[in-house]
N, C-alpha and C. Protein backbone atom coordinates (compact mmCIF):
# COMPACT_ATOMS: atom_id res chain seq x y z
N MET A 1 109.37 96.62 96.66
CA MET A 1 108.26 96.29 97.52
C MET A 1 107.14 95.67 96.66
N THR A 2 107.00 96.13 95.35
CA THR A 2 105.81 95.61 94.52
C THR A 2 106.09 94.12 94.25
N ALA A 3 107.35 93.74 93.90
CA ALA A 3 107.63 92.38 93.59
C ALA A 3 107.38 91.47 94.81
N ILE A 4 107.72 91.97 96.01
CA ILE A 4 107.55 91.08 97.22
C ILE A 4 106.04 90.99 97.50
N ALA A 5 105.40 92.09 97.37
CA ALA A 5 103.87 92.07 97.71
C ALA A 5 103.17 91.07 96.72
N TYR A 6 103.56 91.20 95.38
CA TYR A 6 103.01 90.24 94.44
C TYR A 6 103.31 88.77 94.68
N LEU A 7 104.60 88.45 95.00
CA LEU A 7 104.94 87.02 95.26
C LEU A 7 104.28 86.52 96.52
N CYS A 8 104.21 87.36 97.58
CA CYS A 8 103.54 86.86 98.79
C CYS A 8 102.03 86.73 98.51
N ALA A 9 101.47 87.61 97.76
CA ALA A 9 100.09 87.53 97.46
C ALA A 9 99.75 86.34 96.64
N ALA A 10 100.61 86.00 95.69
CA ALA A 10 100.44 84.76 94.85
C ALA A 10 100.49 83.59 95.70
N ILE A 11 101.48 83.45 96.66
CA ILE A 11 101.53 82.29 97.53
C ILE A 11 100.31 82.15 98.30
N ALA A 12 99.91 83.32 98.92
CA ALA A 12 98.74 83.29 99.80
C ALA A 12 97.50 82.75 98.98
N GLU A 13 97.29 83.34 97.77
CA GLU A 13 96.17 82.93 96.93
C GLU A 13 96.08 81.51 96.55
N ILE A 14 97.30 81.11 96.09
CA ILE A 14 97.42 79.61 95.73
C ILE A 14 97.16 78.69 96.87
N ALA A 15 97.74 79.09 97.98
CA ALA A 15 97.52 78.24 99.20
C ALA A 15 96.11 78.22 99.59
N GLY A 16 95.44 79.40 99.58
CA GLY A 16 94.03 79.44 99.96
C GLY A 16 93.16 78.58 98.96
N CYS A 17 93.40 78.69 97.70
CA CYS A 17 92.65 78.02 96.69
C CYS A 17 93.00 76.46 96.86
N PHE A 18 94.25 76.13 97.05
CA PHE A 18 94.61 74.71 97.29
C PHE A 18 93.90 74.14 98.41
N ALA A 19 93.59 74.89 99.54
CA ALA A 19 92.91 74.37 100.63
C ALA A 19 91.58 73.92 100.19
N PHE A 20 90.93 74.67 99.44
CA PHE A 20 89.57 74.27 98.95
C PHE A 20 89.75 73.03 97.95
N TRP A 21 90.72 73.02 97.14
CA TRP A 21 91.02 71.88 96.20
C TRP A 21 91.19 70.63 96.98
N ALA A 22 92.01 70.77 98.05
CA ALA A 22 92.31 69.53 98.94
C ALA A 22 91.03 69.02 99.54
N TRP A 23 90.23 69.97 100.06
CA TRP A 23 88.91 69.50 100.72
C TRP A 23 87.98 68.83 99.68
N LEU A 24 87.78 69.48 98.57
CA LEU A 24 86.84 69.01 97.62
C LEU A 24 87.32 68.01 96.58
N ARG A 25 88.59 67.98 96.32
CA ARG A 25 89.11 67.12 95.25
C ARG A 25 90.00 65.99 95.78
N LEU A 26 90.58 66.23 96.99
CA LEU A 26 91.50 65.31 97.52
C LEU A 26 90.92 64.60 98.86
N ASP A 27 89.62 64.82 99.07
CA ASP A 27 88.99 64.32 100.23
C ASP A 27 89.67 64.59 101.57
N LYS A 28 90.14 65.82 101.75
CA LYS A 28 90.74 66.23 102.99
C LYS A 28 89.61 66.77 103.84
N SER A 29 89.90 66.90 105.09
CA SER A 29 88.96 67.36 106.09
C SER A 29 88.38 68.82 105.75
N PRO A 30 87.14 69.09 106.02
CA PRO A 30 86.59 70.36 105.97
C PRO A 30 87.35 71.45 106.77
N TRP A 31 88.09 71.04 107.73
CA TRP A 31 88.88 72.03 108.44
C TRP A 31 89.99 72.69 107.59
N TRP A 32 90.26 72.25 106.39
CA TRP A 32 91.23 72.85 105.48
C TRP A 32 90.56 74.13 105.10
N ILE A 33 89.32 74.40 105.14
CA ILE A 33 88.62 75.64 104.67
C ILE A 33 89.17 76.83 105.56
N ALA A 34 89.21 76.73 106.84
CA ALA A 34 89.51 77.74 107.71
C ALA A 34 90.97 78.41 107.38
N PRO A 35 92.03 77.68 107.19
CA PRO A 35 93.27 78.41 106.87
C PRO A 35 93.12 78.84 105.35
N GLY A 36 92.34 78.17 104.62
CA GLY A 36 92.25 78.60 103.18
C GLY A 36 91.50 80.00 103.16
N ILE A 37 90.55 80.18 103.87
CA ILE A 37 89.86 81.53 103.96
C ILE A 37 90.89 82.49 104.53
N ALA A 38 91.60 82.27 105.55
CA ALA A 38 92.54 83.19 106.15
C ALA A 38 93.59 83.56 105.13
N SER A 39 94.07 82.59 104.29
CA SER A 39 95.05 82.82 103.34
C SER A 39 94.52 83.67 102.18
N LEU A 40 93.29 83.47 101.80
CA LEU A 40 92.67 84.34 100.83
C LEU A 40 92.44 85.69 101.24
N CYS A 41 92.20 85.97 102.64
CA CYS A 41 92.04 87.27 103.04
C CYS A 41 93.55 88.04 103.05
N LEU A 42 94.50 87.23 103.39
CA LEU A 42 95.87 87.81 103.38
C LEU A 42 96.22 88.15 101.97
N PHE A 43 95.80 87.34 101.00
CA PHE A 43 96.11 87.69 99.58
C PHE A 43 95.44 89.01 99.26
N ALA A 44 94.22 89.17 99.52
CA ALA A 44 93.62 90.48 99.23
C ALA A 44 94.25 91.63 99.85
N TYR A 45 94.63 91.53 101.16
CA TYR A 45 95.37 92.60 101.82
C TYR A 45 96.59 92.90 101.17
N LEU A 46 97.44 91.83 100.81
CA LEU A 46 98.80 92.06 100.21
C LEU A 46 98.68 92.77 98.93
N LEU A 47 97.67 92.61 98.11
CA LEU A 47 97.43 93.34 96.83
C LEU A 47 97.27 94.90 97.16
N THR A 48 96.80 95.28 98.33
CA THR A 48 96.69 96.67 98.57
C THR A 48 98.01 97.35 98.79
N LEU A 49 99.08 96.57 98.95
CA LEU A 49 100.35 97.08 99.23
C LEU A 49 101.04 97.53 97.98
N VAL A 50 100.55 97.12 96.82
CA VAL A 50 101.28 97.44 95.57
C VAL A 50 101.15 98.83 95.28
N ASP A 51 102.26 99.43 94.85
CA ASP A 51 102.24 100.90 94.49
C ASP A 51 101.67 100.98 93.02
N ALA A 52 100.48 101.23 92.91
CA ALA A 52 99.85 101.49 91.59
C ALA A 52 98.73 102.54 91.77
N GLU A 53 98.56 103.30 90.70
CA GLU A 53 97.57 104.30 90.86
C GLU A 53 96.11 103.79 90.76
N HIS A 54 95.99 102.66 90.04
CA HIS A 54 94.63 102.08 89.82
C HIS A 54 94.67 100.59 90.19
N ALA A 55 93.68 100.23 90.97
CA ALA A 55 93.52 98.82 91.37
C ALA A 55 93.44 97.87 90.17
N GLY A 56 92.73 98.27 89.12
CA GLY A 56 92.72 97.26 87.99
C GLY A 56 94.00 97.05 87.37
N ARG A 57 94.95 98.00 87.27
CA ARG A 57 96.14 97.87 86.67
C ARG A 57 97.06 97.01 87.55
N ALA A 58 96.89 97.24 88.90
CA ALA A 58 97.67 96.38 89.82
C ALA A 58 97.24 94.91 89.76
N TYR A 59 95.87 94.73 89.58
CA TYR A 59 95.36 93.28 89.51
C TYR A 59 95.81 92.67 88.23
N ALA A 60 95.70 93.47 87.08
CA ALA A 60 96.17 92.85 85.82
C ALA A 60 97.54 92.38 85.85
N ALA A 61 98.49 93.37 86.39
CA ALA A 61 99.84 92.99 86.42
C ALA A 61 100.13 91.75 87.35
N TYR A 62 99.36 91.66 88.36
CA TYR A 62 99.44 90.54 89.38
C TYR A 62 99.18 89.20 88.67
N GLY A 63 98.25 89.27 87.73
CA GLY A 63 97.87 87.93 87.08
C GLY A 63 99.05 87.12 86.56
N ALA A 64 100.07 87.81 86.02
CA ALA A 64 101.20 87.10 85.49
C ALA A 64 102.07 86.62 86.64
N VAL A 65 102.17 87.31 87.71
CA VAL A 65 102.84 86.71 88.87
C VAL A 65 102.19 85.51 89.44
N TYR A 66 100.87 85.59 89.45
CA TYR A 66 100.13 84.42 89.87
C TYR A 66 100.41 83.22 88.99
N ILE A 67 100.37 83.40 87.65
CA ILE A 67 100.63 82.28 86.72
C ILE A 67 101.98 81.79 87.02
N ALA A 68 103.05 82.65 87.13
CA ALA A 68 104.47 82.06 87.39
C ALA A 68 104.45 81.23 88.68
N ALA A 69 103.76 81.82 89.74
CA ALA A 69 103.84 81.23 91.04
C ALA A 69 103.08 79.88 91.07
N ALA A 70 101.99 79.84 90.25
CA ALA A 70 101.26 78.56 90.12
C ALA A 70 102.09 77.49 89.48
N ILE A 71 102.90 77.87 88.45
CA ILE A 71 103.87 76.90 87.85
C ILE A 71 104.86 76.47 88.81
N GLY A 72 105.33 77.43 89.75
CA GLY A 72 106.29 76.97 90.78
C GLY A 72 105.52 76.02 91.76
N TRP A 73 104.33 76.33 92.11
CA TRP A 73 103.56 75.46 93.04
C TRP A 73 103.43 74.01 92.39
N LEU A 74 103.12 73.97 91.01
CA LEU A 74 103.03 72.68 90.31
C LEU A 74 104.32 71.93 90.64
N TRP A 75 105.45 72.52 90.50
CA TRP A 75 106.68 71.87 90.57
C TRP A 75 107.08 71.58 92.11
N VAL A 76 106.96 72.51 92.96
CA VAL A 76 107.44 72.31 94.30
C VAL A 76 106.43 71.44 95.18
N VAL A 77 105.12 71.87 95.17
CA VAL A 77 104.08 71.25 96.00
C VAL A 77 103.60 69.94 95.41
N GLU A 78 103.32 70.02 94.16
CA GLU A 78 102.67 68.90 93.53
C GLU A 78 103.59 67.92 92.78
N SER A 79 104.91 68.25 92.90
CA SER A 79 106.01 67.35 92.33
C SER A 79 105.74 67.04 90.80
N ALA A 80 105.19 67.99 90.08
CA ALA A 80 105.06 67.80 88.61
C ALA A 80 105.90 68.82 87.87
N LYS A 81 106.91 68.38 87.22
CA LYS A 81 107.87 69.26 86.57
C LYS A 81 107.29 70.02 85.51
N PRO A 82 107.33 71.30 85.40
CA PRO A 82 106.83 72.17 84.36
C PRO A 82 107.55 71.78 83.04
N ASP A 83 106.80 71.80 81.93
CA ASP A 83 107.45 71.64 80.74
C ASP A 83 107.94 72.89 80.08
N ARG A 84 108.55 72.89 78.89
CA ARG A 84 109.06 74.24 78.44
C ARG A 84 107.94 75.14 78.04
N TRP A 85 106.68 74.61 77.70
CA TRP A 85 105.68 75.50 77.33
C TRP A 85 105.11 76.11 78.56
N ASP A 86 105.11 75.50 79.75
CA ASP A 86 104.73 76.17 80.88
C ASP A 86 105.67 77.39 81.22
N LEU A 87 106.92 77.06 81.12
CA LEU A 87 107.96 78.15 81.40
C LEU A 87 107.88 79.24 80.42
N ILE A 88 107.81 78.90 79.16
CA ILE A 88 107.69 80.00 78.09
C ILE A 88 106.38 80.82 78.32
N GLY A 89 105.31 80.12 78.59
CA GLY A 89 104.04 80.95 78.89
C GLY A 89 104.13 81.76 80.02
N ALA A 90 104.72 81.39 81.17
CA ALA A 90 104.98 82.06 82.37
C ALA A 90 105.80 83.32 82.08
N ALA A 91 106.93 83.16 81.28
CA ALA A 91 107.81 84.15 80.91
C ALA A 91 107.11 85.30 80.12
N ILE A 92 106.29 84.89 79.24
CA ILE A 92 105.52 85.82 78.32
C ILE A 92 104.61 86.60 79.16
N CYS A 93 103.99 85.98 80.19
CA CYS A 93 102.98 86.56 81.04
C CYS A 93 103.76 87.71 81.93
N LEU A 94 104.91 87.26 82.43
CA LEU A 94 105.66 88.25 83.19
C LEU A 94 106.16 89.48 82.43
N LEU A 95 106.52 89.24 81.26
CA LEU A 95 106.91 90.34 80.35
C LEU A 95 105.65 91.30 80.18
N GLY A 96 104.54 90.73 79.93
CA GLY A 96 103.31 91.46 79.79
C GLY A 96 102.95 92.29 81.05
N SER A 97 103.25 91.59 82.22
CA SER A 97 102.96 92.25 83.39
C SER A 97 103.85 93.42 83.67
N ALA A 98 105.03 93.35 83.31
CA ALA A 98 105.97 94.47 83.47
C ALA A 98 105.55 95.66 82.57
N VAL A 99 105.09 95.36 81.40
CA VAL A 99 104.60 96.40 80.41
C VAL A 99 103.37 97.10 81.14
N ILE A 100 102.42 96.30 81.62
CA ILE A 100 101.26 96.86 82.22
C ILE A 100 101.68 97.76 83.43
N LEU A 101 102.49 97.37 84.27
CA LEU A 101 102.71 98.00 85.49
C LEU A 101 103.75 99.16 85.39
N TRP A 102 104.58 99.04 84.49
CA TRP A 102 105.79 100.00 84.38
C TRP A 102 105.86 100.71 83.10
N GLY A 103 104.91 100.47 82.09
CA GLY A 103 104.92 101.17 80.86
C GLY A 103 104.81 102.67 81.02
N PRO A 104 105.38 103.49 80.18
CA PRO A 104 105.28 104.90 80.27
C PRO A 104 103.89 105.33 80.01
N ARG A 105 103.42 106.25 80.91
CA ARG A 105 102.01 106.86 80.74
C ARG A 105 102.10 108.38 80.74
N PRO A 106 101.20 109.04 80.20
CA PRO A 106 101.21 110.47 80.24
C PRO A 106 100.85 110.90 81.70
N ALA A 107 101.42 112.04 82.16
CA ALA A 107 101.08 112.51 83.50
C ALA A 107 99.77 113.12 83.64
């Protein structure tokens, strides 16, 4: 459930932020803001579904998923192929995310 919540949250956050990017940087209609805000609200809700004892830890671990999803967005939506450094960086972040979220902790 955590992986699905993180992946969906990342897509919602990137889509919401991209809506503002499109409006302000790509000269799209201000109407792009409405679905962007809705998408950002969905993102915030989805993070509450993560099974973590503390919000800060859930958010920190999510950061890596966001980075990997942003690299995917770069490739799929913006048609810019990630280079090896993009992929290596995303992999390092995902490893760090796993340590943060699932590392052993005293009870």
